[in-house]
Amino acid sequence: MTQHLSEADVRGIAEYTRIGLTAEEVVTMTADLNAIIDSLAPITEFDLDGVEPTFHPI
C-alpha cells in the first residue's frame, strides 16, 4: 500500500474539521484513508482524451 497521507496529514485534517481523534484512531484512519485512495487507482486507467468535463447544477 502506498503512503499517500501521513499521520500528520490526518491530524491536520481532523483538526481542520474539528474531529477529535486519539493517537490510535489517527493510525487507523491513516491506514483506512490510504486504502481508500489506493482503491481509486483503476480510475486513472481510463482513456479520457477528448472527453469534455460535465457539470451538473443539482
PDB file of N, CA and C in Angstrom:
ATOM      1  N   MET A   1       0.851  -1.183   0.000  1.00  0.00           N
ATOM      2  CA  MET A   1       0.000   0.000   0.000  1.00  0.00           C
ATOM      3  C   MET A   1       0.891   1.239   0.000  1.00  0.00           C
ATOM      4  N   THR A   2       0.557   2.179  -0.854  1.00  0.00           N
ATOM      5  CA  THR A   2       1.296   3.430  -0.953  1.00  0.00           C
ATOM      6  C   THR A   2       0.870   4.372   0.161  1.00  0.00           C
ATOM      7  N   GLN A   3       1.820   5.125   0.673  1.00  0.00           N
ATOM      8  CA  GLN A   3       1.530   6.088   1.736  1.00  0.00           C
ATOM      9  C   GLN A   3       1.225   7.443   1.090  1.00  0.00           C
ATOM     10  N   HIS A   4      -0.053   7.699   0.813  1.00  0.00           N
ATOM     11  CA  HIS A   4      -0.474   8.960   0.207  1.00  0.00           C
ATOM     12  C   HIS A   4      -0.594  10.051   1.273  1.00  0.00           C
ATOM     13  N   LEU A   5      -1.098   9.670   2.426  1.00  0.00           N
ATOM     14  CA  LEU A   5      -1.283  10.598   3.542  1.00  0.00           C
ATOM     15  C   LEU A   5      -0.472  10.120   4.733  1.00  0.00           C
ATOM     16  N   SER A   6       0.148  11.063   5.415  1.00  0.00           N
ATOM     17  CA  SER A   6       0.886  10.724   6.625  1.00  0.00           C
ATOM     18  C   SER A   6      -0.025  10.918   7.840  1.00  0.00           C
ATOM     19  N   GLU A   7       0.443  10.459   8.994  1.00  0.00           N
ATOM     20  CA  GLU A   7      -0.327  10.674  10.222  1.00  0.00           C
ATOM     21  C   GLU A   7      -0.460  12.162  10.508  1.00  0.00           C
ATOM     22  N   ALA A   8       0.569  12.934  10.161  1.00  0.00           N
ATOM     23  CA  ALA A   8       0.494  14.390  10.348  1.00  0.00           C
ATOM     24  C   ALA A   8      -0.607  14.988   9.467  1.00  0.00           C
ATOM     25  N   ASP A   9      -0.740  14.471   8.247  1.00  0.00           N
ATOM     26  CA  ASP A   9      -1.817  14.933   7.360  1.00  0.00           C
ATOM     27  C   ASP A   9      -3.181  14.651   7.983  1.00  0.00           C
ATOM     28  N   VAL A  10      -3.342  13.441   8.505  1.00  0.00           N
ATOM     29  CA  VAL A  10      -4.628  13.044   9.087  1.00  0.00           C
ATOM     30  C   VAL A  10      -4.926  13.891  10.325  1.00  0.00           C
ATOM     31  N   ARG A  11      -3.904  14.146  11.141  1.00  0.00           N
ATOM     32  CA  ARG A  11      -4.120  15.020  12.311  1.00  0.00           C
ATOM     33  C   ARG A  11      -4.550  16.414  11.858  1.00  0.00           C
ATOM     34  N   GLY A  12      -3.924  16.918  10.803  1.00  0.00           N
ATOM     35  CA  GLY A  12      -4.286  18.240  10.285  1.00  0.00           C
ATOM     36  C   GLY A  12      -5.704  18.277   9.747  1.00  0.00           C
ATOM     37  N   ILE A  13      -6.111  17.236   9.033  1.00  0.00           N
ATOM     38  CA  ILE A  13      -7.480  17.156   8.523  1.00  0.00           C
ATOM     39  C   ILE A  13      -8.465  17.089   9.683  1.00  0.00           C
ATOM     40  N   ALA A  14      -8.137  16.276  10.685  1.00  0.00           N
ATOM     41  CA  ALA A  14      -9.017  16.139  11.854  1.00  0.00           C
ATOM     42  C   ALA A  14      -9.140  17.466  12.587  1.00  0.00           C
ATOM     43  N   GLU A  15      -8.039  18.167  12.730  1.00  0.00           N
ATOM     44  CA  GLU A  15      -8.077  19.469  13.407  1.00  0.00           C
ATOM     45  C   GLU A  15      -8.920  20.460  12.602  1.00  0.00           C
ATOM     46  N   TYR A  16      -8.708  20.478  11.297  1.00  0.00           N
ATOM     47  CA  TYR A  16      -9.451  21.397  10.425  1.00  0.00           C
ATOM     48  C   TYR A  16     -10.953  21.146  10.501  1.00  0.00           C
ATOM     49  N   THR A  17     -11.333  19.871  10.558  1.00  0.00           N
ATOM     50  CA  THR A  17     -12.754  19.521  10.595  1.00  0.00           C
ATOM     51  C   THR A  17     -13.293  19.405  12.014  1.00  0.00           C
ATOM     52  N   ARG A  18     -12.427  19.701  12.983  1.00  0.00           N
ATOM     53  CA  ARG A  18     -12.800  19.681  14.398  1.00  0.00           C
ATOM     54  C   ARG A  18     -13.295  18.310  14.856  1.00  0.00           C
ATOM     55  N   ILE A  19     -12.578  17.281  14.409  1.00  0.00           N
ATOM     56  CA  ILE A  19     -12.856  15.910  14.821  1.00  0.00           C
ATOM     57  C   ILE A  19     -11.745  15.494  15.779  1.00  0.00           C
ATOM     58  N   GLY A  20     -12.112  15.117  16.977  1.00  0.00           N
ATOM     59  CA  GLY A  20     -11.123  14.673  17.950  1.00  0.00           C
ATOM     60  C   GLY A  20     -10.765  13.220  17.718  1.00  0.00           C
ATOM     61  N   LEU A  21      -9.480  12.951  17.482  1.00  0.00           N
ATOM     62  CA  LEU A  21      -9.016  11.585  17.272  1.00  0.00           C
ATOM     63  C   LEU A  21      -7.933  11.260  18.293  1.00  0.00           C
ATOM     64  N   THR A  22      -7.990  10.068  18.846  1.00  0.00           N
ATOM     65  CA  THR A  22      -6.920   9.592  19.709  1.00  0.00           C
ATOM     66  C   THR A  22      -5.739   9.187  18.828  1.00  0.00           C
ATOM     67  N   ALA A  23      -4.596   8.951  19.450  1.00  0.00           N
ATOM     68  CA  ALA A  23      -3.412   8.531  18.692  1.00  0.00           C
ATOM     69  C   ALA A  23      -3.690   7.220  17.953  1.00  0.00           C
ATOM     70  N   GLU A  24      -4.408   6.313  18.589  1.00  0.00           N
ATOM     71  CA  GLU A  24      -4.746   5.038  17.958  1.00  0.00           C
ATOM     72  C   GLU A  24      -5.687   5.251  16.765  1.00  0.00           C
ATOM     73  N   GLU A  25      -6.632   6.159  16.916  1.00  0.00           N
ATOM     74  CA  GLU A  25      -7.569   6.447  15.821  1.00  0.00           C
ATOM     75  C   GLU A  25      -6.860   7.101  14.646  1.00  0.00           C
ATOM     76  N   VAL A  26      -5.851   7.922  14.915  1.00  0.00           N
ATOM     77  CA  VAL A  26      -5.079   8.550  13.834  1.00  0.00           C
ATOM     78  C   VAL A  26      -4.381   7.469  13.009  1.00  0.00           C
ATOM     79  N   VAL A  27      -3.787   6.490  13.693  1.00  0.00           N
ATOM     80  CA  VAL A  27      -3.108   5.396  12.992  1.00  0.00           C
ATOM     81  C   VAL A  27      -4.098   4.624  12.122  1.00  0.00           C
ATOM     82  N   THR A  28      -5.252   4.286  12.704  1.00  0.00           N
ATOM     83  CA  THR A  28      -6.272   3.537  11.968  1.00  0.00           C
ATOM     84  C   THR A  28      -6.816   4.349  10.797  1.00  0.00           C
ATOM     85  N   MET A  29      -7.114   5.613  11.033  1.00  0.00           N
ATOM     86  CA  MET A  29      -7.672   6.475   9.990  1.00  0.00           C
ATOM     87  C   MET A  29      -6.664   6.683   8.859  1.00  0.00           C
ATOM     88  N   THR A  30      -5.389   6.784   9.190  1.00  0.00           N
ATOM     89  CA  THR A  30      -4.356   6.940   8.169  1.00  0.00           C
ATOM     90  C   THR A  30      -4.333   5.716   7.254  1.00  0.00           C
ATOM     91  N   ALA A  31      -4.359   4.542   7.849  1.00  0.00           N
ATOM     92  CA  ALA A  31      -4.364   3.313   7.046  1.00  0.00           C
ATOM     93  C   ALA A  31      -5.635   3.220   6.206  1.00  0.00           C
ATOM     94  N   ASP A  32      -6.774   3.552   6.802  1.00  0.00           N
ATOM     95  CA  ASP A  32      -8.046   3.474   6.069  1.00  0.00           C
ATOM     96  C   ASP A  32      -8.087   4.454   4.902  1.00  0.00           C
ATOM     97  N   LEU A  33      -7.676   5.690   5.130  1.00  0.00           N
ATOM     98  CA  LEU A  33      -7.710   6.693   4.055  1.00  0.00           C
ATOM     99  C   LEU A  33      -6.749   6.327   2.931  1.00  0.00           C
ATOM    100  N   ASN A  34      -5.570   5.805   3.271  1.00  0.00           N
ATOM    101  CA  ASN A  34      -4.624   5.378   2.238  1.00  0.00           C
ATOM    102  C   ASN A  34      -5.173   4.202   1.445  1.00  0.00           C
ATOM    103  N   ALA A  35      -5.879   3.291   2.097  1.00  0.00           N
ATOM    104  CA  ALA A  35      -6.507   2.165   1.392  1.00  0.00           C
ATOM    105  C   ALA A  35      -7.600   2.659   0.450  1.00  0.00           C
ATOM    106  N   ILE A  36      -8.363   3.637   0.883  1.00  0.00           N
ATOM    107  CA  ILE A  36      -9.419   4.204   0.030  1.00  0.00           C
ATOM    108  C   ILE A  36      -8.803   4.854  -1.210  1.00  0.00           C
ATOM    109  N   ILE A  37      -7.749   5.615  -1.012  1.00  0.00           N
ATOM    110  CA  ILE A  37      -7.080   6.260  -2.149  1.00  0.00           C
ATOM    111  C   ILE A  37      -6.524   5.205  -3.102  1.00  0.00           C
ATOM    112  N   ASP A  38      -5.921   4.151  -2.556  1.00  0.00           N
ATOM    113  CA  ASP A  38      -5.415   3.062  -3.403  1.00  0.00           C
ATOM    114  C   ASP A  38      -6.531   2.403  -4.203  1.00  0.00           C
ATOM    115  N   SER A  39      -7.707   2.283  -3.609  1.00  0.00           N
ATOM    116  CA  SER A  39      -8.820   1.618  -4.301  1.00  0.00           C
ATOM    117  C   SER A  39      -9.324   2.434  -5.491  1.00  0.00           C
ATOM    118  N   LEU A  40      -8.985   3.705  -5.541  1.00  0.00           N
ATOM    119  CA  LEU A  40      -9.403   4.564  -6.656  1.00  0.00           C
ATOM    120  C   LEU A  40      -8.417   4.521  -7.829  1.00  0.00           C
ATOM    121  N   ALA A  41      -7.309   3.826  -7.686  1.00  0.00           N
ATOM    122  CA  ALA A  41      -6.279   3.772  -8.729  1.00  0.00           C
ATOM    123  C   ALA A  41      -6.796   3.320 -10.091  1.00  0.00           C
ATOM    124  N   PRO A  42      -7.717   2.350 -10.172  1.00  0.00           N
ATOM    125  CA  PRO A  42      -8.192   1.933 -11.502  1.00  0.00           C
ATOM    126  C   PRO A  42      -8.822   3.068 -12.314  1.00  0.00           C
ATOM    127  N   ILE A  43      -9.298   4.093 -11.672  1.00  0.00           N
ATOM    128  CA  ILE A  43      -9.898   5.219 -12.397  1.00  0.00           C
ATOM    129  C   ILE A  43      -8.871   5.868 -13.318  1.00  0.00           C
ATOM    130  N   THR A  44      -7.607   5.867 -12.913  1.00  0.00           N
ATOM    131  CA  THR A  44      -6.574   6.513 -13.720  1.00  0.00           C
ATOM    132  C   THR A  44      -6.264   5.745 -15.003  1.00  0.00           C
ATOM    133  N   GLU A  45      -6.785   4.532 -15.144  1.00  0.00           N
ATOM    134  CA  GLU A  45      -6.522   3.724 -16.324  1.00  0.00           C
ATOM    135  C   GLU A  45      -7.480   4.010 -17.480  1.00  0.00           C
ATOM    136  N   PHE A  46      -8.523   4.788 -17.246  1.00  0.00           N
ATOM    137  CA  PHE A  46      -9.475   5.113 -18.299  1.00  0.00           C
ATOM    138  C   PHE A  46      -8.871   6.112 -19.275  1.00  0.00           C
ATOM    139  N   ASP A  47      -9.129   5.906 -20.550  1.00  0.00           N
ATOM    140  CA  ASP A  47      -8.680   6.841 -21.575  1.00  0.00           C
ATOM    141  C   ASP A  47      -9.723   7.948 -21.687  1.00  0.00           C
ATOM    142  N   LEU A  48      -9.376   9.114 -21.201  1.00  0.00           N
ATOM    143  CA  LEU A  48     -10.330  10.224 -21.181  1.00  0.00           C
ATOM    144  C   LEU A  48      -9.943  11.348 -22.135  1.00  0.00           C
ATOM    145  N   ASP A  49      -9.026  11.061 -23.053  1.00  0.00           N
ATOM    146  CA  ASP A  49      -8.641  12.078 -24.031  1.00  0.00           C
ATOM    147  C   ASP A  49      -9.855  12.462 -24.870  1.00  0.00           C
ATOM    148  N   GLY A  50     -10.117  13.743 -24.959  1.00  0.00           N
ATOM    149  CA  GLY A  50     -11.225  14.239 -25.759  1.00  0.00           C
ATOM    150  C   GLY A  50     -12.566  14.223 -25.052  1.00  0.00           C
ATOM    151  N   VAL A  51     -12.622  13.740 -23.827  1.00  0.00           N
ATOM    152  CA  VAL A  51     -13.883  13.724 -23.084  1.00  0.00           C
ATOM    153  C   VAL A  51     -14.033  15.077 -22.386  1.00  0.00           C
ATOM    154  N   GLU A  52     -15.105  15.750 -22.699  1.00  0.00           N
ATOM    155  CA  GLU A  52     -15.350  17.071 -22.118  1.00  0.00           C
ATOM    156  C   GLU A  52     -15.830  16.920 -20.670  1.00  0.00           C
ATOM    157  N   PRO A  53     -15.382  17.803 -19.778  1.00  0.00           N
ATOM    158  CA  PRO A  53     -15.891  17.777 -18.416  1.00  0.00           C
ATOM    159  C   PRO A  53     -17.385  18.081 -18.393  1.00  0.00           C
ATOM    160  N   THR A  54     -18.095  17.509 -17.458  1.00  0.00           N
ATOM    161  CA  THR A  54     -19.520  17.783 -17.343  1.00  0.00           C
ATOM    162  C   THR A  54     -19.797  18.546 -16.073  1.00  0.00           C
ATOM    163  N   PHE A  55     -20.926  19.206 -16.052  1.00  0.00           N
ATOM    164  CA  PHE A  55     -21.319  19.975 -14.878  1.00  0.00           C
ATOM    165  C   PHE A  55     -22.787  19.723 -14.632  1.00  0.00           C
ATOM    166  N   HIS A  56     -23.090  19.358 -13.416  1.00  0.00           N
ATOM    167  CA  HIS A  56     -24.475  19.126 -13.024  1.00  0.00           C
ATOM    168  C   HIS A  56     -24.824  20.077 -11.884  1.00  0.00           C
ATOM    169  N   PRO A  57     -25.701  21.037 -12.124  1.00  0.00           N
ATOM    170  CA  PRO A  57     -26.003  22.034 -11.087  1.00  0.00           C
ATOM    171  C   PRO A  57     -26.805  21.476  -9.920  1.00  0.00           C
ATOM    172  N   ILE A  58     -27.303  20.252 -10.031  1.00  0.00           N
ATOM    173  CA  ILE A  58     -28.118  19.706  -8.956  1.00  0.00           C
ATOM    174  C   ILE A  58     -27.269  18.872  -8.054  1.00  0.00           C
TER     175      ILE A  58
END
